[in-house]
């Protein structure tokens, strides 16, 4: 014969099982939420480091391009080779651009994209005008192409001057300290050109 205490034991056992299941479920949700958040933060830090290093390399190459431009023929073969090297670096950025969406800073993403786009437009005009000038155009067109190439180069250099600050913003997001870009000390002539 069952006693009234048996049903109380069954009820307390059942409530213990239910409470245990609820606690286990909540713990699982909390662990999953924390893991997703940690994974997202790690992805953001990894992407920030990639873009910080890419833009840092780009700044260094633009400094070398600027130095080549200030010596000898401003748009001679070495300057044009360096400009093509900068173009290749921009292509590496483009291949990695979708990783930019893991960056949660909603002001940094568009600023980085806009800066790289301005660099690309200026660089393409320098290269396109150099190629057109190599084809021996008429004097009037030649003057226009040369002037456009020089203006585009100056714009490229101005945009390049914005890179170190952006590199530091990506480095801060990645939680790392990248060495400061002292391009003059590195011997790449980030300072004013001799004829300026």
N, C-alpha and C. Protein backbone atom coordinates (compact mmCIF):
# COMPACT_ATOMS: atom_id res chain seq x y z
N UNK A 1 0.84 -1.16 0.00
CA UNK A 1 0.00 0.00 0.00
C UNK A 1 0.90 1.25 0.00
N UNK A 2 0.56 2.23 -0.83
CA UNK A 2 1.39 3.43 -0.93
C UNK A 2 0.97 4.43 0.13
N UNK A 3 2.00 5.11 0.62
CA UNK A 3 1.73 6.11 1.66
C UNK A 3 1.73 7.49 1.00
N UNK A 4 1.18 8.50 1.71
CA UNK A 4 1.17 9.85 1.16
C UNK A 4 2.58 10.41 0.98
N UNK A 5 3.55 9.84 1.69
CA UNK A 5 4.94 10.31 1.58
C UNK A 5 5.58 9.85 0.27
N UNK A 6 5.10 8.72 -0.30
CA UNK A 6 5.63 8.24 -1.58
C UNK A 6 5.36 9.25 -2.70
N UNK A 7 4.16 9.80 -2.73
CA UNK A 7 3.85 10.78 -3.77
C UNK A 7 4.64 12.06 -3.56
N UNK A 8 4.93 12.41 -2.30
CA UNK A 8 5.77 13.58 -2.05
C UNK A 8 7.20 13.32 -2.51
N UNK A 9 7.70 12.11 -2.29
CA UNK A 9 9.04 11.76 -2.76
C UNK A 9 9.10 11.80 -4.29
N UNK A 10 8.06 11.28 -4.93
CA UNK A 10 8.01 11.29 -6.40
C UNK A 10 7.96 12.73 -6.92
N UNK A 11 7.17 13.59 -6.27
CA UNK A 11 7.04 14.98 -6.68
C UNK A 11 8.35 15.72 -6.48
N UNK A 12 9.02 15.48 -5.36
CA UNK A 12 10.30 16.17 -5.15
C UNK A 12 11.36 15.66 -6.11
N UNK A 13 11.34 14.39 -6.45
CA UNK A 13 12.28 13.85 -7.43
C UNK A 13 12.01 14.46 -8.80
N UNK A 14 10.73 14.52 -9.17
CA UNK A 14 10.35 15.10 -10.46
C UNK A 14 10.73 16.58 -10.52
N UNK A 15 10.47 17.33 -9.45
CA UNK A 15 10.83 18.75 -9.46
C UNK A 15 12.34 18.92 -9.50
N UNK A 16 13.09 18.03 -8.87
CA UNK A 16 14.55 18.08 -8.94
C UNK A 16 15.06 17.85 -10.35
N UNK A 17 14.42 16.90 -11.04
CA UNK A 17 14.80 16.61 -12.43
C UNK A 17 14.47 17.80 -13.33
N UNK A 18 13.30 18.40 -13.14
CA UNK A 18 12.89 19.55 -13.94
C UNK A 18 13.82 20.74 -13.69
N UNK A 19 14.09 21.01 -12.43
CA UNK A 19 14.99 22.13 -12.11
C UNK A 19 16.38 21.87 -12.68
N UNK A 20 16.86 20.64 -12.56
CA UNK A 20 18.17 20.29 -13.13
C UNK A 20 18.20 20.48 -14.64
N UNK A 21 17.12 20.10 -15.33
CA UNK A 21 17.05 20.26 -16.79
C UNK A 21 17.04 21.73 -17.18
N UNK A 22 16.28 22.54 -16.42
CA UNK A 22 16.22 23.97 -16.70
C UNK A 22 17.60 24.61 -16.50
N UNK A 23 18.24 24.27 -15.39
CA UNK A 23 19.57 24.83 -15.11
C UNK A 23 20.58 24.39 -16.18
N UNK A 24 20.53 23.13 -16.59
CA UNK A 24 21.43 22.63 -17.63
C UNK A 24 21.19 23.34 -18.96
N UNK A 25 19.92 23.57 -19.30
CA UNK A 25 19.58 24.26 -20.54
C UNK A 25 20.07 25.70 -20.52
N UNK A 26 19.82 26.39 -19.39
CA UNK A 26 20.29 27.77 -19.27
C UNK A 26 21.81 27.84 -19.32
N UNK A 27 22.46 26.90 -18.68
CA UNK A 27 23.93 26.85 -18.72
C UNK A 27 24.44 26.62 -20.13
N UNK A 28 23.76 25.77 -20.87
CA UNK A 28 24.16 25.51 -22.26
C UNK A 28 23.99 26.75 -23.13
N UNK A 29 22.84 27.44 -22.94
CA UNK A 29 22.63 28.68 -23.69
C UNK A 29 23.69 29.73 -23.35
N UNK A 30 23.98 29.87 -22.07
CA UNK A 30 24.99 30.85 -21.63
C UNK A 30 26.36 30.51 -22.20
N UNK A 31 26.71 29.23 -22.17
CA UNK A 31 28.02 28.82 -22.71
C UNK A 31 28.09 29.06 -24.21
N UNK A 32 26.98 28.75 -24.93
CA UNK A 32 26.95 28.98 -26.38
C UNK A 32 27.05 30.46 -26.70
N UNK A 33 26.32 31.29 -25.97
CA UNK A 33 26.36 32.74 -26.18
C UNK A 33 27.77 33.27 -25.95
N UNK A 34 28.40 32.85 -24.86
CA UNK A 34 29.76 33.31 -24.54
C UNK A 34 30.75 32.84 -25.61
N UNK A 35 30.61 31.60 -26.06
CA UNK A 35 31.52 31.06 -27.08
C UNK A 35 31.36 31.82 -28.40
N UNK A 36 30.12 32.10 -28.79
CA UNK A 36 29.90 32.86 -30.03
C UNK A 36 30.49 34.25 -29.92
N UNK A 37 30.29 34.88 -28.77
CA UNK A 37 30.83 36.23 -28.57
C UNK A 37 32.36 36.22 -28.60
N UNK A 38 32.96 35.24 -27.95
CA UNK A 38 34.42 35.12 -27.94
C UNK A 38 34.95 34.85 -29.34
N UNK A 39 34.26 33.96 -30.08
CA UNK A 39 34.68 33.64 -31.45
C UNK A 39 34.58 34.87 -32.34
N UNK A 40 33.51 35.64 -32.17
CA UNK A 40 33.34 36.85 -32.98
C UNK A 40 34.44 37.86 -32.67
N UNK A 41 34.77 38.01 -31.40
CA UNK A 41 35.84 38.94 -31.00
C UNK A 41 37.19 38.49 -31.57
N UNK A 42 37.44 37.18 -31.54
CA UNK A 42 38.70 36.67 -32.10
C UNK A 42 38.77 36.91 -33.61
N UNK A 43 37.66 36.69 -34.30
CA UNK A 43 37.62 36.95 -35.75
C UNK A 43 37.84 38.42 -36.05
N UNK A 44 37.22 39.29 -35.24
CA UNK A 44 37.40 40.73 -35.44
C UNK A 44 38.86 41.13 -35.21
N UNK A 45 39.46 40.61 -34.16
CA UNK A 45 40.86 40.94 -33.86
C UNK A 45 41.78 40.43 -34.97
N UNK A 46 41.49 39.23 -35.48
CA UNK A 46 42.30 38.67 -36.57
C UNK A 46 42.18 39.52 -37.83
N UNK A 47 40.96 39.92 -38.18
CA UNK A 47 40.75 40.77 -39.36
C UNK A 47 41.41 42.13 -39.18
N UNK A 48 41.28 42.70 -37.98
CA UNK A 48 41.89 44.00 -37.72
C UNK A 48 43.41 43.93 -37.88
N UNK A 49 44.01 42.84 -37.43
CA UNK A 49 45.46 42.68 -37.58
C UNK A 49 45.84 42.55 -39.06
N UNK A 50 45.06 41.79 -39.82
CA UNK A 50 45.32 41.64 -41.26
C UNK A 50 45.27 43.00 -41.95
N UNK A 51 44.21 43.78 -41.68
CA UNK A 51 44.08 45.08 -42.34
C UNK A 51 45.12 46.07 -41.83
N UNK A 52 45.45 45.99 -40.56
CA UNK A 52 46.50 46.86 -40.04
C UNK A 52 47.83 46.61 -40.75
N UNK A 53 48.16 45.34 -40.93
CA UNK A 53 49.42 45.00 -41.61
C UNK A 53 49.38 45.34 -43.09
N UNK A 54 48.23 45.09 -43.73
CA UNK A 54 48.10 45.43 -45.15
C UNK A 54 48.26 46.93 -45.39
N UNK A 55 47.57 47.72 -44.59
CA UNK A 55 47.64 49.17 -44.77
C UNK A 55 49.02 49.70 -44.37
N UNK A 56 49.65 49.05 -43.42
CA UNK A 56 51.01 49.44 -43.02
C UNK A 56 51.99 49.20 -44.17
N UNK A 57 51.88 48.05 -44.81
CA UNK A 57 52.72 47.75 -45.97
C UNK A 57 52.43 48.72 -47.10
N UNK A 58 51.17 49.04 -47.29
CA UNK A 58 50.78 50.00 -48.33
C UNK A 58 51.39 51.37 -48.06
N UNK A 59 51.36 51.82 -46.80
CA UNK A 59 51.97 53.11 -46.45
C UNK A 59 53.46 53.10 -46.73
N UNK A 60 54.12 52.00 -46.42
CA UNK A 60 55.56 51.89 -46.68
C UNK A 60 55.86 51.93 -48.18
N UNK A 61 55.05 51.23 -48.96
CA UNK A 61 55.27 51.22 -50.41
C UNK A 61 55.00 52.59 -51.03
N UNK A 62 54.01 53.30 -50.51
CA UNK A 62 53.75 54.64 -51.03
C UNK A 62 54.91 55.56 -50.67
N UNK A 63 55.52 55.37 -49.50
CA UNK A 63 56.69 56.16 -49.13
C UNK A 63 57.86 55.87 -50.07
N UNK A 64 58.04 54.61 -50.45
CA UNK A 64 59.10 54.25 -51.40
C UNK A 64 58.78 54.85 -52.77
N UNK A 65 57.52 54.79 -53.18
CA UNK A 65 57.09 55.39 -54.45
C UNK A 65 57.36 56.89 -54.44
N UNK A 66 57.06 57.54 -53.34
CA UNK A 66 57.30 58.98 -53.21
C UNK A 66 58.79 59.29 -53.33
N UNK A 67 59.63 58.46 -52.69
CA UNK A 67 61.08 58.66 -52.76
C UNK A 67 61.59 58.47 -54.19
N UNK A 68 61.07 57.46 -54.89
CA UNK A 68 61.48 57.22 -56.28
C UNK A 68 61.07 58.39 -57.16
N UNK A 69 59.90 58.94 -56.89
CA UNK A 69 59.39 60.07 -57.68
C UNK A 69 60.25 61.32 -57.49
N UNK A 70 60.85 61.47 -56.28
CA UNK A 70 61.61 62.68 -55.98
C UNK A 70 63.05 62.62 -56.49
N UNK A 71 63.46 61.50 -57.05
CA UNK A 71 64.84 61.36 -57.54
C UNK A 71 64.83 61.10 -59.05
N UNK A 72 65.63 61.81 -59.76
CA UNK A 72 65.74 61.59 -61.21
C UNK A 72 64.45 61.92 -61.92
N UNK A 73 64.11 61.12 -62.94
CA UNK A 73 62.88 61.30 -63.71
C UNK A 73 61.69 60.98 -62.80
N UNK A 74 60.82 61.96 -62.52
CA UNK A 74 59.72 61.73 -61.57
C UNK A 74 58.82 60.55 -61.94
N UNK A 75 58.66 60.30 -63.23
CA UNK A 75 57.83 59.18 -63.66
C UNK A 75 58.63 58.23 -64.54
N UNK A 76 59.86 57.99 -64.13
CA UNK A 76 60.73 57.06 -64.86
C UNK A 76 60.36 55.61 -64.58
N UNK A 77 61.14 54.68 -65.12
CA UNK A 77 60.81 53.25 -64.99
C UNK A 77 60.72 52.76 -63.54
N UNK A 78 61.59 53.26 -62.67
CA UNK A 78 61.56 52.79 -61.28
C UNK A 78 60.29 53.27 -60.59
N UNK A 79 59.92 54.52 -60.81
CA UNK A 79 58.69 55.06 -60.22
C UNK A 79 57.48 54.27 -60.70
N UNK A 80 57.44 53.97 -61.98
CA UNK A 80 56.30 53.22 -62.53
C UNK A 80 56.28 51.80 -61.99
N UNK A 81 57.44 51.17 -61.83
CA UNK A 81 57.48 49.83 -61.22
C UNK A 81 56.95 49.87 -59.79
N UNK A 82 57.37 50.90 -59.05
CA UNK A 82 56.89 51.03 -57.68
C UNK A 82 55.38 51.28 -57.66
N UNK A 83 54.88 52.06 -58.61
CA UNK A 83 53.43 52.31 -58.68
C UNK A 83 52.69 51.00 -58.94
N UNK A 84 53.25 50.15 -59.79
CA UNK A 84 52.62 48.84 -60.05
C UNK A 84 52.66 47.96 -58.80
N UNK A 85 53.71 48.09 -58.02
CA UNK A 85 53.81 47.35 -56.77
C UNK A 85 52.73 47.80 -55.78
N UNK A 86 52.50 49.10 -55.73
CA UNK A 86 51.43 49.62 -54.87
C UNK A 86 50.08 49.09 -55.37
N UNK A 87 49.90 49.03 -56.68
CA UNK A 87 48.66 48.51 -57.26
C UNK A 87 48.44 47.05 -56.83
N UNK A 88 49.52 46.24 -56.83
CA UNK A 88 49.41 44.84 -56.40
C UNK A 88 49.00 44.75 -54.92
N UNK A 89 49.53 45.66 -54.11
CA UNK A 89 49.16 45.68 -52.69
C UNK A 89 47.69 46.03 -52.52
N UNK A 90 47.19 46.95 -53.34
CA UNK A 90 45.76 47.29 -53.30
C UNK A 90 44.91 46.09 -53.71
N UNK A 91 45.42 45.29 -54.64
CA UNK A 91 44.68 44.09 -55.05
C UNK A 91 44.61 43.07 -53.92
N UNK A 92 45.66 42.97 -53.11
CA UNK A 92 45.63 42.08 -51.94
C UNK A 92 44.56 42.56 -50.97
N UNK A 93 44.48 43.87 -50.77
CA UNK A 93 43.42 44.44 -49.93
C UNK A 93 42.05 44.04 -50.49
N UNK A 94 41.87 44.20 -51.80
CA UNK A 94 40.57 43.88 -52.42
C UNK A 94 40.21 42.41 -52.22
N UNK A 95 41.20 41.52 -52.31
CA UNK A 95 40.92 40.09 -52.14
C UNK A 95 40.51 39.77 -50.71
N UNK A 96 40.91 40.56 -49.76
CA UNK A 96 40.58 40.33 -48.35
C UNK A 96 39.44 41.22 -47.85
N UNK A 97 38.87 42.02 -48.72
CA UNK A 97 37.92 43.05 -48.30
C UNK A 97 36.69 42.49 -47.58
N UNK A 98 36.24 41.30 -47.93
CA UNK A 98 35.05 40.78 -47.27
C UNK A 98 35.28 40.53 -45.78
N UNK A 99 36.55 40.35 -45.39
CA UNK A 99 36.86 40.19 -43.96
C UNK A 99 36.62 41.49 -43.20
N UNK A 100 36.53 42.60 -43.91
CA UNK A 100 36.28 43.89 -43.26
C UNK A 100 34.94 43.89 -42.54
N UNK A 101 34.01 43.04 -42.99
CA UNK A 101 32.67 43.01 -42.39
C UNK A 101 32.68 42.39 -41.00
N UNK A 102 33.77 41.75 -40.59
CA UNK A 102 33.85 41.25 -39.22
C UNK A 102 34.24 42.35 -38.24
N UNK A 103 34.64 43.52 -38.78
CA UNK A 103 34.98 44.67 -37.94
C UNK A 103 33.67 45.35 -37.53
N UNK A 104 33.44 45.48 -36.23
CA UNK A 104 32.17 46.04 -35.76
C UNK A 104 32.17 47.56 -35.71
N UNK A 105 33.33 48.19 -35.82
CA UNK A 105 33.40 49.66 -35.79
C UNK A 105 32.78 50.20 -37.08
N UNK A 106 31.59 50.76 -36.94
CA UNK A 106 30.83 51.18 -38.13
C UNK A 106 31.36 52.46 -38.77
N UNK A 107 32.30 53.14 -38.15
CA UNK A 107 32.93 54.29 -38.81
C UNK A 107 34.23 53.88 -39.49
N UNK A 108 34.94 52.92 -38.91
CA UNK A 108 36.22 52.50 -39.47
C UNK A 108 36.06 51.77 -40.80
N UNK A 109 35.06 50.91 -40.90
CA UNK A 109 34.85 50.14 -42.14
C UNK A 109 34.70 51.06 -43.36
N UNK A 110 33.75 52.00 -43.35
CA UNK A 110 33.61 52.84 -44.55
C UNK A 110 34.79 53.78 -44.77
N UNK A 111 35.42 54.23 -43.68
CA UNK A 111 36.59 55.11 -43.85
C UNK A 111 37.74 54.36 -44.52
N UNK A 112 37.96 53.11 -44.10
CA UNK A 112 39.03 52.31 -44.72
C UNK A 112 38.71 52.06 -46.19
N UNK A 113 37.46 51.68 -46.48
CA UNK A 113 37.08 51.41 -47.88
C UNK A 113 37.21 52.66 -48.74
N UNK A 114 36.77 53.81 -48.22
CA UNK A 114 36.85 55.05 -48.99
C UNK A 114 38.30 55.45 -49.24
N UNK A 115 39.15 55.30 -48.23
CA UNK A 115 40.56 55.66 -48.39
C UNK A 115 41.23 54.78 -49.44
N UNK A 116 41.00 53.48 -49.36
CA UNK A 116 41.61 52.57 -50.33
C UNK A 116 41.07 52.84 -51.73
N UNK A 117 39.79 53.18 -51.85
CA UNK A 117 39.22 53.51 -53.16
C UNK A 117 39.88 54.76 -53.73
N UNK A 118 40.08 55.80 -52.89
CA UNK A 118 40.75 57.02 -53.37
C UNK A 118 42.18 56.72 -53.81
N UNK A 119 42.87 55.89 -53.04
CA UNK A 119 44.23 55.50 -53.44
C UNK A 119 44.22 54.79 -54.79
N UNK A 120 43.26 53.88 -54.96
CA UNK A 120 43.16 53.13 -56.22
C UNK A 120 42.85 54.03 -57.40
N UNK A 121 41.92 54.96 -57.24
CA UNK A 121 41.56 55.87 -58.34
C UNK A 121 42.77 56.71 -58.74
N UNK A 122 43.45 57.26 -57.74
CA UNK A 122 44.61 58.11 -58.04
C UNK A 122 45.72 57.30 -58.72
N UNK A 123 45.98 56.13 -58.19
CA UNK A 123 47.05 55.29 -58.75
C UNK A 123 46.72 54.86 -60.17
N UNK A 124 45.48 54.46 -60.41
CA UNK A 124 45.09 54.05 -61.77
C UNK A 124 45.26 55.18 -62.76
N UNK A 125 44.94 56.40 -62.34
CA UNK A 125 45.10 57.54 -63.25
C UNK A 125 46.59 57.79 -63.54
N UNK A 126 47.44 57.65 -62.52
CA UNK A 126 48.88 57.80 -62.74
C UNK A 126 49.36 56.77 -63.76
N UNK A 127 48.96 55.51 -63.57
CA UNK A 127 49.41 54.45 -64.48
C UNK A 127 48.81 54.60 -65.87
N UNK A 128 47.52 54.92 -65.95
CA UNK A 128 46.86 55.08 -67.26
C UNK A 128 47.47 56.24 -68.04
N UNK A 129 47.69 57.37 -67.36
CA UNK A 129 48.28 58.52 -68.05
C UNK A 129 49.72 58.24 -68.47
N UNK A 130 50.45 57.51 -67.64
CA UNK A 130 51.83 57.15 -68.01
C UNK A 130 51.84 56.28 -69.26
N UNK A 131 50.91 55.36 -69.33
CA UNK A 131 50.81 54.48 -70.50
C UNK A 131 50.41 55.29 -71.73
N UNK A 132 49.47 56.21 -71.57
CA UNK A 132 49.04 57.05 -72.70
C UNK A 132 50.19 57.94 -73.17
N UNK A 133 50.98 58.47 -72.24
CA UNK A 133 52.11 59.32 -72.61
C UNK A 133 53.20 58.54 -73.34
N UNK A 134 53.33 57.26 -73.04
CA UNK A 134 54.32 56.42 -73.73
C UNK A 134 53.96 56.22 -75.20
N UNK A 135 52.69 56.44 -75.53
CA UNK A 135 52.23 56.28 -76.92
C UNK A 135 52.46 57.50 -77.80
N UNK A 136 53.18 58.51 -77.31
CA UNK A 136 53.50 59.73 -78.07
C UNK A 136 52.24 60.45 -78.58
N UNK A 137 51.39 60.93 -77.67
CA UNK A 137 50.20 61.67 -78.11
C UNK A 137 50.59 63.06 -78.61
N UNK A 138 49.66 63.78 -79.26
CA UNK A 138 49.92 65.15 -79.70
C UNK A 138 50.28 66.04 -78.49
N UNK A 139 50.99 67.13 -78.76
CA UNK A 139 51.51 67.99 -77.69
C UNK A 139 50.43 68.48 -76.73
N UNK A 140 49.30 68.91 -77.26
CA UNK A 140 48.24 69.43 -76.39
C UNK A 140 47.72 68.34 -75.45
N UNK A 141 47.49 67.16 -76.00
CA UNK A 141 47.02 66.03 -75.18
C UNK A 141 48.11 65.59 -74.20
N UNK A 142 49.34 65.64 -74.66
CA UNK A 142 50.48 65.24 -73.81
C UNK A 142 50.55 66.13 -72.57
N UNK A 143 50.37 67.44 -72.77
CA UNK A 143 50.41 68.37 -71.64
C UNK A 143 49.29 68.08 -70.65
N UNK A 144 48.11 67.81 -71.18
CA UNK A 144 46.96 67.51 -70.33
C UNK A 144 47.18 66.20 -69.54
N UNK A 145 47.70 65.18 -70.21
CA UNK A 145 47.97 63.91 -69.56
C UNK A 145 49.04 64.06 -68.47
N UNK A 146 50.09 64.82 -68.77
CA UNK A 146 51.17 65.02 -67.80
C UNK A 146 50.67 65.77 -66.57
N UNK A 147 49.84 66.79 -66.81
CA UNK A 147 49.30 67.56 -65.69
C UNK A 147 48.37 66.68 -64.84
N UNK A 148 47.54 65.89 -65.50
CA UNK A 148 46.64 64.99 -64.78
C UNK A 148 47.39 63.94 -63.98
N UNK A 149 48.48 63.44 -64.54
CA UNK A 149 49.29 62.44 -63.84
C UNK A 149 49.92 63.04 -62.58
N UNK A 150 50.45 64.26 -62.69
CA UNK A 150 51.08 64.91 -61.54
C UNK A 150 50.05 65.20 -60.45
N UNK A 151 48.86 65.68 -60.85
CA UNK A 151 47.80 65.94 -59.86
C UNK A 151 47.37 64.65 -59.17
N UNK A 152 47.25 63.58 -59.93
CA UNK A 152 46.85 62.30 -59.35
C UNK A 152 47.91 61.77 -58.40
N UNK A 153 49.19 61.97 -58.76
CA UNK A 153 50.26 61.53 -57.88
C UNK A 153 50.22 62.29 -56.55
N UNK A 154 50.01 63.60 -56.63
CA UNK A 154 49.93 64.41 -55.41
C UNK A 154 48.75 63.96 -54.54
N UNK A 155 47.63 63.64 -55.16
CA UNK A 155 46.46 63.17 -54.43
C UNK A 155 46.75 61.81 -53.79
N UNK A 156 47.45 60.95 -54.51
CA UNK A 156 47.84 59.64 -53.99
C UNK A 156 48.69 59.81 -52.73
N UNK A 157 49.65 60.71 -52.78
CA UNK A 157 50.54 60.95 -51.63
C UNK A 157 49.74 61.52 -50.45
N UNK A 158 48.82 62.45 -50.73
CA UNK A 158 47.98 63.01 -49.66
C UNK A 158 47.17 61.91 -48.98
N UNK A 159 46.58 61.03 -49.78
CA UNK A 159 45.79 59.93 -49.21
C UNK A 159 46.70 58.97 -48.44
N UNK A 160 47.89 58.74 -48.96
CA UNK A 160 48.84 57.87 -48.28
C UNK A 160 49.22 58.39 -46.90
N UNK A 161 49.19 59.71 -46.73
CA UNK A 161 49.51 60.31 -45.43
C UNK A 161 48.47 59.97 -44.37
N UNK A 162 47.28 59.54 -44.79
CA UNK A 162 46.22 59.17 -43.85
C UNK A 162 46.38 57.73 -43.35
N UNK A 163 47.21 56.94 -44.02
CA UNK A 163 47.31 55.52 -43.69
C UNK A 163 47.83 55.24 -42.28
N UNK A 164 48.91 55.88 -41.81
CA UNK A 164 49.42 55.52 -40.47
C UNK A 164 48.37 55.65 -39.36
N UNK A 165 47.54 56.67 -39.38
CA UNK A 165 46.51 56.82 -38.35
C UNK A 165 45.50 55.67 -38.43
N UNK A 166 45.15 55.27 -39.66
CA UNK A 166 44.21 54.18 -39.82
C UNK A 166 44.83 52.85 -39.38
N UNK A 167 46.12 52.68 -39.66
CA UNK A 167 46.83 51.48 -39.21
C UNK A 167 46.73 51.37 -37.69
N UNK A 168 46.92 52.48 -36.99
CA UNK A 168 46.88 52.46 -35.53
C UNK A 168 45.47 52.13 -35.02
N UNK A 169 44.45 52.56 -35.73
CA UNK A 169 43.07 52.21 -35.32
C UNK A 169 42.82 50.71 -35.46
N UNK A 170 43.31 50.11 -36.55
CA UNK A 170 43.17 48.67 -36.70
C UNK A 170 44.00 47.93 -35.65
N UNK A 171 45.19 48.42 -35.36
CA UNK A 171 46.04 47.79 -34.36
C UNK A 171 45.38 47.82 -32.99
N UNK A 172 44.73 48.93 -32.66
CA UNK A 172 44.03 49.03 -31.36
C UNK A 172 42.90 48.01 -31.29
N UNK A 173 42.17 47.83 -32.39
CA UNK A 173 41.11 46.82 -32.42
C UNK A 173 41.67 45.42 -32.27
N UNK A 174 42.83 45.18 -32.85
CA UNK A 174 43.45 43.86 -32.77
C UNK A 174 44.09 43.61 -31.41
N UNK A 175 44.26 44.69 -30.65
CA UNK A 175 44.89 44.55 -29.34
C UNK A 175 46.39 44.34 -29.43
N UNK A 176 47.00 44.89 -30.48
CA UNK A 176 48.45 44.77 -30.66
C UNK A 176 49.04 46.16 -30.85
N UNK A 177 50.32 46.23 -30.69
CA UNK A 177 51.03 47.49 -30.96
C UNK A 177 51.94 47.25 -32.17
N UNK A 178 51.61 47.93 -33.26
CA UNK A 178 52.47 47.87 -34.45
C UNK A 178 53.48 49.01 -34.34
N UNK A 179 54.68 48.76 -34.79
CA UNK A 179 55.71 49.80 -34.72
C UNK A 179 55.25 51.03 -35.49
N UNK A 180 55.57 52.19 -34.94
CA UNK A 180 55.22 53.44 -35.62
C UNK A 180 55.90 53.50 -36.97
N UNK A 181 55.22 54.14 -37.90
CA UNK A 181 55.77 54.28 -39.25
C UNK A 181 56.57 55.57 -39.33
N UNK A 182 57.82 55.49 -39.03
CA UNK A 182 58.69 56.66 -39.19
C UNK A 182 59.41 56.47 -40.53
N UNK A 183 58.75 56.91 -41.59
CA UNK A 183 59.24 56.63 -42.93
C UNK A 183 60.51 57.42 -43.25
N UNK A 184 60.68 58.60 -42.64
CA UNK A 184 61.92 59.35 -42.86
C UNK A 184 63.10 58.59 -42.26
N UNK A 185 62.90 58.04 -41.06
CA UNK A 185 63.97 57.30 -40.38
C UNK A 185 64.32 56.03 -41.15
N UNK A 186 63.32 55.45 -41.82
CA UNK A 186 63.56 54.23 -42.58
C UNK A 186 64.30 54.51 -43.88
N UNK A 187 64.51 55.79 -44.19
CA UNK A 187 65.25 56.14 -45.39
C UNK A 187 64.41 56.20 -46.64
N UNK A 188 63.08 56.23 -46.47
CA UNK A 188 62.22 56.25 -47.64
C UNK A 188 61.68 57.62 -47.95
N UNK A 189 62.13 58.61 -47.25
CA UNK A 189 61.80 59.99 -47.63
C UNK A 189 60.35 60.33 -47.56
N UNK A 190 59.73 60.16 -46.42
CA UNK A 190 58.34 60.59 -46.28
C UNK A 190 58.21 62.09 -46.21
N UNK A 191 59.32 62.81 -46.09
CA UNK A 191 59.30 64.26 -45.94
C UNK A 191 59.11 64.97 -47.26
N UNK A 192 59.23 66.28 -47.28
CA UNK A 192 59.00 67.04 -48.51
C UNK A 192 60.05 66.74 -49.57
N UNK A 193 59.63 66.88 -50.81
CA UNK A 193 60.53 66.63 -51.93
C UNK A 193 61.52 67.77 -52.04
N UNK A 194 62.73 67.48 -52.56
CA UNK A 194 63.75 68.51 -52.67
C UNK A 194 63.33 69.74 -53.44
N UNK A 195 62.53 69.56 -54.49
CA UNK A 195 62.14 70.71 -55.32
C UNK A 195 60.84 71.35 -54.83
N UNK A 196 60.32 70.87 -53.67
CA UNK A 196 59.05 71.43 -53.17
C UNK A 196 59.33 72.71 -52.38
